[in-house]
Structures are given as C-alpha cells and as structure tokens.
Amino acid sequence: MKSKIALAEIAQPYAQALMSVAGSNNLTEEFGEDARSLLSLLSSSEQLRNFFANPFIAAENKKAVINQVFGEGSNTYFRNFLMLLVDRRRISLLDGICQQYLGLLRQRNQTVLAEVISAVPLTDEQKESVKRHVVSMTNARSVELDSKIDRDLIGGVIIKVGSQVIDASLQGQLRRLSLRLSGS
C-alpha cells in the first residue's frame, strides 16, 4: 500500500490543474461545492469508494456511474475532469484530490480550516463564537469549521488550527489540574 505522502504528491498536480481550470472559468466556488459534495458522498458510501478503487472495473462503467451521480445538470468542466481521472486511472485518488483542491481554495480565499471537537453538537451561536475567536487568533479573512463529536470530552471544546491546539475541554482542564497536583 502506498503511503499517504506519496498519494498526496500524486494528487497535488491534479488538484492544481482543477484549480487552474476553475480559476480561468470563474468557477472556483462552484467546484468547491462539487468537491465537498463528492467528499461527503465518498465518506458515506464505502461501496462507491471501493467501486472507484477497483482496477478490474471497466472505465466505461466508472464513467457511467459518474454521469449518473452528476447528471446532465452538473458542471461540464468538473464532470470532464472526473472522466480524465478515470482515463488516467487516477480516480482512486479522488478523495485526496478533492481534499487538496479545498485546501487550495482556502488558501486562495484566505480561509483557515479549524477542527472543532466537542462533547455535543455546537449551536449556531457557539459556532460563530468559535469562528470569531479563530479569526482574531489567525488574522484570516474567514474560517471554515470541521466539527466532530467526542463524548469523552465531558464538556467544552478543543479547537485545532494548523499546529495550534486550544484545549478548553473539561477533560483537558482535569488533566492539567492533575498534572499540577502531582507536580507539587
């Protein structure tokens, strides 16, 4: 099995090519929405991931599924890009290519990705508060949240932005208190 770094290096030029096509046609945000939809679909359907990753399935069958999933109403450039991936036998890298495209889109829009881990789903007001905090911390133009639930946190949140981690969870506070008490 190939390493994640090697797969990322293979996916990067394809993501850059997709960004180039999107940028020259003023479709960067539309492609971003298509990439998010595709990532959501791939994460929810192991069968679809396995279908695209299977080298024994004919390219025509994979193209038929792409046409069926995207339909005629979708963006022609994006659909043609997916067909090119099938022809080049790179459709198995679709997840990585979409992730990298979204990373390039965030760079272009001066948006940071903040991973927020909480014990319970955050309300819209709490999400806005986290976004304001991250904007003030990073000086980014905007923030994209990736919310995850971890019931072990008890309460509070952990916010990860790049290599920075803000642990405002009860579990983290208890851990820090335990360390202080054991250090005394």
C-alpha atoms as a PDB file:
ATOM      1  CA  MET A   1       0.000   0.000   0.000  1.00  0.00           C
ATOM      2  CA  LYS A   2       1.283   3.449  -0.878  1.00  0.00           C
ATOM      3  CA  SER A   3       1.970   5.968   1.847  1.00  0.00           C
ATOM      4  CA  LYS A   4      -0.267   8.974   2.363  1.00  0.00           C
ATOM      5  CA  ILE A   5       2.604  11.293   1.456  1.00  0.00           C
ATOM      6  CA  ALA A   6       3.174   9.549  -1.875  1.00  0.00           C
ATOM      7  CA  LEU A   7      -0.555   9.653  -2.650  1.00  0.00           C
ATOM      8  CA  ALA A   8      -0.660  13.349  -1.743  1.00  0.00           C
ATOM      9  CA  GLU A   9       2.238  14.044  -4.107  1.00  0.00           C
ATOM     10  CA  ILE A  10       0.408  12.278  -6.924  1.00  0.00           C
ATOM     11  CA  ALA A  11      -2.885  14.072  -6.159  1.00  0.00           C
ATOM     12  CA  GLN A  12      -1.363  17.574  -5.878  1.00  0.00           C
ATOM     13  CA  PRO A  13      -0.845  18.263  -9.618  1.00  0.00           C
ATOM     14  CA  TYR A  14      -4.401  17.143 -10.350  1.00  0.00           C
ATOM     15  CA  ALA A  15      -5.778  19.448  -7.648  1.00  0.00           C
ATOM     16  CA  GLN A  16      -3.717  22.324  -9.047  1.00  0.00           C
ATOM     17  CA  ALA A  17      -4.953  21.583 -12.567  1.00  0.00           C
ATOM     18  CA  LEU A  18      -8.539  21.575 -11.327  1.00  0.00           C
ATOM     19  CA  MET A  19      -7.923  24.916  -9.583  1.00  0.00           C
ATOM     20  CA  SER A  20      -6.434  26.310 -12.792  1.00  0.00           C
ATOM     21  CA  VAL A  21      -9.496  25.295 -14.819  1.00  0.00           C
ATOM     22  CA  ALA A  22     -11.821  26.618 -12.121  1.00  0.00           C
ATOM     23  CA  GLY A  23      -9.953  29.908 -11.834  1.00  0.00           C
ATOM     24  CA  SER A  24      -9.858  30.566 -15.562  1.00  0.00           C
ATOM     25  CA  ASN A  25     -13.625  29.982 -15.782  1.00  0.00           C
ATOM     26  CA  ASN A  26     -14.608  31.790 -12.542  1.00  0.00           C
ATOM     27  CA  LEU A  27     -15.889  28.518 -11.086  1.00  0.00           C
ATOM     28  CA  THR A  28     -13.669  28.111  -8.002  1.00  0.00           C
ATOM     29  CA  GLU A  29     -16.536  28.233  -5.502  1.00  0.00           C
ATOM     30  CA  GLU A  30     -18.787  26.031  -7.632  1.00  0.00           C
ATOM     31  CA  PHE A  31     -16.009  23.440  -7.937  1.00  0.00           C
ATOM     32  CA  GLY A  32     -15.518  23.740  -4.176  1.00  0.00           C
ATOM     33  CA  GLU A  33     -19.163  22.859  -3.594  1.00  0.00           C
ATOM     34  CA  ASP A  34     -18.877  19.948  -6.044  1.00  0.00           C
ATOM     35  CA  ALA A  35     -15.738  18.718  -4.247  1.00  0.00           C
ATOM     36  CA  ARG A  36     -17.459  18.969  -0.831  1.00  0.00           C
ATOM     37  CA  SER A  37     -20.480  17.067  -2.145  1.00  0.00           C
ATOM     38  CA  LEU A  38     -18.253  14.411  -3.638  1.00  0.00           C
ATOM     39  CA  LEU A  39     -16.250  14.037  -0.405  1.00  0.00           C
ATOM     40  CA  SER A  40     -19.472  13.703   1.551  1.00  0.00           C
ATOM     41  CA  LEU A  41     -20.726  11.063  -0.859  1.00  0.00           C
ATOM     42  CA  LEU A  42     -17.445   9.137  -0.746  1.00  0.00           C
ATOM     43  CA  SER A  43     -17.296   9.234   3.054  1.00  0.00           C
ATOM     44  CA  SER A  44     -20.846   7.950   3.374  1.00  0.00           C
ATOM     45  CA  SER A  45     -20.569   5.203   0.747  1.00  0.00           C
ATOM     46  CA  GLU A  46     -17.854   2.608   1.172  1.00  0.00           C
ATOM     47  CA  GLN A  47     -19.339   0.787  -1.810  1.00  0.00           C
ATOM     48  CA  LEU A  48     -18.700   3.798  -4.084  1.00  0.00           C
ATOM     49  CA  ARG A  49     -15.123   4.185  -2.775  1.00  0.00           C
ATOM     50  CA  ASN A  50     -14.450   0.515  -3.442  1.00  0.00           C
ATOM     51  CA  PHE A  51     -16.051   0.772  -6.888  1.00  0.00           C
ATOM     52  CA  PHE A  52     -13.742   3.616  -7.946  1.00  0.00           C
ATOM     53  CA  ALA A  53     -10.686   1.973  -6.367  1.00  0.00           C
ATOM     54  CA  ASN A  54     -11.245  -1.402  -8.062  1.00  0.00           C
ATOM     55  CA  PRO A  55      -8.881  -1.642 -11.067  1.00  0.00           C
ATOM     56  CA  PHE A  56     -10.861  -4.549 -12.558  1.00  0.00           C
ATOM     57  CA  ILE A  57     -13.980  -2.474 -13.170  1.00  0.00           C
ATOM     58  CA  ALA A  58     -14.052  -1.134 -16.722  1.00  0.00           C
ATOM     59  CA  ALA A  59     -13.518   2.590 -17.258  1.00  0.00           C
ATOM     60  CA  GLU A  60     -16.815   2.801 -19.153  1.00  0.00           C
ATOM     61  CA  ASN A  61     -18.688   1.543 -16.071  1.00  0.00           C
ATOM     62  CA  LYS A  62     -16.976   4.112 -13.855  1.00  0.00           C
ATOM     63  CA  LYS A  63     -17.827   6.878 -16.335  1.00  0.00           C
ATOM     64  CA  ALA A  64     -21.440   5.712 -16.409  1.00  0.00           C
ATOM     65  CA  VAL A  65     -21.626   5.983 -12.619  1.00  0.00           C
ATOM     66  CA  ILE A  66     -20.107   9.470 -12.733  1.00  0.00           C
ATOM     67  CA  ASN A  67     -22.688  10.545 -15.321  1.00  0.00           C
ATOM     68  CA  GLN A  68     -25.443   9.013 -13.225  1.00  0.00           C
ATOM     69  CA  VAL A  69     -24.275  10.658  -9.987  1.00  0.00           C
ATOM     70  CA  PHE A  70     -23.618  14.079 -11.504  1.00  0.00           C
ATOM     71  CA  GLY A  71     -26.289  14.070 -14.176  1.00  0.00           C
ATOM     72  CA  GLU A  72     -26.536  16.440 -17.080  1.00  0.00           C
ATOM     73  CA  GLY A  73     -27.208  19.463 -14.876  1.00  0.00           C
ATOM     74  CA  SER A  74     -23.760  19.423 -13.301  1.00  0.00           C
ATOM     75  CA  ASN A  75     -20.773  21.456 -14.384  1.00  0.00           C
ATOM     76  CA  THR A  76     -19.291  20.075 -17.607  1.00  0.00           C
ATOM     77  CA  TYR A  77     -15.723  21.034 -16.695  1.00  0.00           C
ATOM     78  CA  PHE A  78     -15.890  19.202 -13.367  1.00  0.00           C
ATOM     79  CA  ARG A  79     -17.506  16.124 -14.891  1.00  0.00           C
ATOM     80  CA  ASN A  80     -14.894  16.080 -17.694  1.00  0.00           C
ATOM     81  CA  PHE A  81     -12.165  16.317 -15.056  1.00  0.00           C
ATOM     82  CA  LEU A  82     -13.593  13.209 -13.366  1.00  0.00           C
ATOM     83  CA  MET A  83     -13.655  11.435 -16.736  1.00  0.00           C
ATOM     84  CA  LEU A  84      -9.991  12.351 -17.232  1.00  0.00           C
ATOM     85  CA  LEU A  85      -9.206  10.814 -13.832  1.00  0.00           C
ATOM     86  CA  VAL A  86     -10.891   7.600 -14.958  1.00  0.00           C
ATOM     87  CA  ASP A  87      -8.946   7.597 -18.247  1.00  0.00           C
ATOM     88  CA  ARG A  88      -5.642   8.186 -16.410  1.00  0.00           C
ATOM     89  CA  ARG A  89      -6.521   5.525 -13.814  1.00  0.00           C
ATOM     90  CA  ARG A  90      -6.347   8.116 -11.047  1.00  0.00           C
ATOM     91  CA  ILE A  91      -9.998   8.039  -9.959  1.00  0.00           C
ATOM     92  CA  SER A  92      -8.947   6.138  -6.832  1.00  0.00           C
ATOM     93  CA  LEU A  93      -7.191   9.371  -5.742  1.00  0.00           C
ATOM     94  CA  LEU A  94     -10.428  11.344  -5.944  1.00  0.00           C
ATOM     95  CA  ASP A  95     -10.693  11.815  -2.174  1.00  0.00           C
ATOM     96  CA  GLY A  96      -7.166  13.222  -1.922  1.00  0.00           C
ATOM     97  CA  ILE A  97      -7.578  15.406  -4.986  1.00  0.00           C
ATOM     98  CA  CYS A  98     -10.790  16.929  -3.616  1.00  0.00           C
ATOM     99  CA  GLN A  99      -9.182  17.486  -0.195  1.00  0.00           C
ATOM    100  CA  GLN A 100      -6.208  19.226  -1.790  1.00  0.00           C
ATOM    101  CA  TYR A 101      -8.441  21.299  -4.060  1.00  0.00           C
ATOM    102  CA  LEU A 102     -10.349  22.526  -0.993  1.00  0.00           C
ATOM    103  CA  GLY A 103      -7.020  23.356   0.649  1.00  0.00           C
ATOM    104  CA  LEU A 104      -6.015  25.414  -2.390  1.00  0.00           C
ATOM    105  CA  LEU A 105      -9.412  27.111  -2.362  1.00  0.00           C
ATOM    106  CA  ARG A 106      -8.980  28.010   1.319  1.00  0.00           C
ATOM    107  CA  GLN A 107      -5.544  29.494   0.538  1.00  0.00           C
ATOM    108  CA  ARG A 108      -6.975  31.491  -2.335  1.00  0.00           C
ATOM    109  CA  ASN A 109      -9.806  32.855  -0.172  1.00  0.00           C
ATOM    110  CA  GLN A 110      -7.597  33.401   2.905  1.00  0.00           C
ATOM    111  CA  THR A 111      -9.728  30.975   4.861  1.00  0.00           C
ATOM    112  CA  VAL A 112      -8.431  28.769   7.648  1.00  0.00           C
ATOM    113  CA  LEU A 113      -9.735  25.340   8.499  1.00  0.00           C
ATOM    114  CA  ALA A 114     -10.485  24.898  12.185  1.00  0.00           C
ATOM    115  CA  GLU A 115     -11.214  21.429  13.520  1.00  0.00           C
ATOM    116  CA  VAL A 116     -13.594  21.728  16.468  1.00  0.00           C
ATOM    117  CA  ILE A 117     -14.077  18.733  18.730  1.00  0.00           C
ATOM    118  CA  SER A 118     -16.899  18.933  21.250  1.00  0.00           C
ATOM    119  CA  ALA A 119     -18.866  16.602  23.520  1.00  0.00           C
ATOM    120  CA  VAL A 120     -22.186  17.659  21.975  1.00  0.00           C
ATOM    121  CA  PRO A 121     -23.095  19.347  18.671  1.00  0.00           C
ATOM    122  CA  LEU A 122     -22.471  23.096  18.771  1.00  0.00           C
ATOM    123  CA  THR A 123     -25.274  25.592  18.299  1.00  0.00           C
ATOM    124  CA  ASP A 124     -25.030  28.183  15.526  1.00  0.00           C
ATOM    125  CA  GLU A 125     -24.209  30.840  18.137  1.00  0.00           C
ATOM    126  CA  GLN A 126     -21.365  28.718  19.530  1.00  0.00           C
ATOM    127  CA  LYS A 127     -20.020  28.083  16.028  1.00  0.00           C
ATOM    128  CA  GLU A 128     -19.993  31.829  15.333  1.00  0.00           C
ATOM    129  CA  SER A 129     -18.175  32.427  18.617  1.00  0.00           C
ATOM    130  CA  VAL A 130     -15.524  29.857  17.681  1.00  0.00           C
ATOM    131  CA  LYS A 131     -15.165  31.445  14.230  1.00  0.00           C
ATOM    132  CA  ARG A 132     -14.683  34.921  15.747  1.00  0.00           C
ATOM    133  CA  HIS A 133     -12.056  33.556  18.130  1.00  0.00           C
ATOM    134  CA  VAL A 134     -10.164  31.792  15.329  1.00  0.00           C
ATOM    135  CA  VAL A 135     -10.297  34.894  13.094  1.00  0.00           C
ATOM    136  CA  SER A 136      -8.831  37.029  15.900  1.00  0.00           C
ATOM    137  CA  MET A 137      -6.184  34.377  16.551  1.00  0.00           C
ATOM    138  CA  THR A 138      -5.099  33.878  12.910  1.00  0.00           C
ATOM    139  CA  ASN A 139      -5.996  37.157  11.142  1.00  0.00           C
ATOM    140  CA  ALA A 140      -7.681  35.090   8.421  1.00  0.00           C
ATOM    141  CA  ARG A 141     -10.439  36.555   6.314  1.00  0.00           C
ATOM    142  CA  SER A 142     -12.830  33.729   7.218  1.00  0.00           C
ATOM    143  CA  VAL A 143     -12.986  30.365   8.969  1.00  0.00           C
ATOM    144  CA  GLU A 144     -14.275  27.000   7.810  1.00  0.00           C
ATOM    145  CA  LEU A 145     -15.279  24.694  10.659  1.00  0.00           C
ATOM    146  CA  ASP A 146     -14.863  20.934  10.649  1.00  0.00           C
ATOM    147  CA  SER A 147     -16.955  19.803  13.627  1.00  0.00           C
ATOM    148  CA  LYS A 148     -16.500  16.439  15.302  1.00  0.00           C
ATOM    149  CA  ILE A 149     -18.148  14.898  18.346  1.00  0.00           C
ATOM    150  CA  ASP A 150     -16.161  13.155  21.106  1.00  0.00           C
ATOM    151  CA  ARG A 151     -18.346  12.107  24.044  1.00  0.00           C
ATOM    152  CA  ASP A 152     -15.220  11.536  26.196  1.00  0.00           C
ATOM    153  CA  LEU A 153     -14.636  15.295  26.469  1.00  0.00           C
ATOM    154  CA  ILE A 154     -17.440  15.652  29.059  1.00  0.00           C
ATOM    155  CA  GLY A 155     -17.873  19.307  28.057  1.00  0.00           C
ATOM    156  CA  GLY A 156     -16.117  22.237  26.391  1.00  0.00           C
ATOM    157  CA  VAL A 157     -14.258  22.191  23.080  1.00  0.00           C
ATOM    158  CA  ILE A 158     -10.877  21.526  21.529  1.00  0.00           C
ATOM    159  CA  ILE A 159     -10.005  23.777  18.588  1.00  0.00           C
ATOM    160  CA  LYS A 160      -7.208  22.805  16.191  1.00  0.00           C
ATOM    161  CA  VAL A 161      -5.958  25.331  13.643  1.00  0.00           C
ATOM    162  CA  GLY A 162      -2.889  24.098  11.820  1.00  0.00           C
ATOM    163  CA  SER A 163      -0.389  23.154  14.524  1.00  0.00           C
ATOM    164  CA  GLN A 164      -2.107  25.250  17.215  1.00  0.00           C
ATOM    165  CA  VAL A 165      -4.399  23.495  19.673  1.00  0.00           C
ATOM    166  CA  ILE A 166      -6.684  25.254  22.141  1.00  0.00           C
ATOM    167  CA  ASP A 167      -7.949  22.767  24.711  1.00  0.00           C
ATOM    168  CA  ALA A 168     -10.927  24.318  26.504  1.00  0.00           C
ATOM    169  CA  SER A 169     -12.474  20.956  27.360  1.00  0.00           C
ATOM    170  CA  LEU A 170     -13.303  19.734  30.852  1.00  0.00           C
ATOM    171  CA  GLN A 171     -11.173  16.667  30.184  1.00  0.00           C
ATOM    172  CA  GLY A 172      -8.198  18.908  29.360  1.00  0.00           C
ATOM    173  CA  GLN A 173      -8.757  21.074  32.424  1.00  0.00           C
ATOM    174  CA  LEU A 174      -8.903  17.980  34.644  1.00  0.00           C
ATOM    175  CA  ARG A 175      -5.706  16.656  33.052  1.00  0.00           C
ATOM    176  CA  ARG A 176      -3.895  19.967  33.658  1.00  0.00           C
ATOM    177  CA  LEU A 177      -5.158  20.089  37.261  1.00  0.00           C
ATOM    178  CA  SER A 178      -3.956  16.520  37.822  1.00  0.00           C
ATOM    179  CA  LEU A 179      -0.511  17.405  36.451  1.00  0.00           C
ATOM    180  CA  ARG A 180      -0.262  20.470  38.717  1.00  0.00           C
ATOM    181  CA  LEU A 181      -1.297  18.469  41.781  1.00  0.00           C
ATOM    182  CA  SER A 182       1.102  15.607  41.027  1.00  0.00           C
ATOM    183  CA  GLY A 183       3.924  18.105  40.389  1.00  0.00           C
ATOM    184  CA  SER A 184       3.511  19.758  43.810  1.00  0.00           C
END
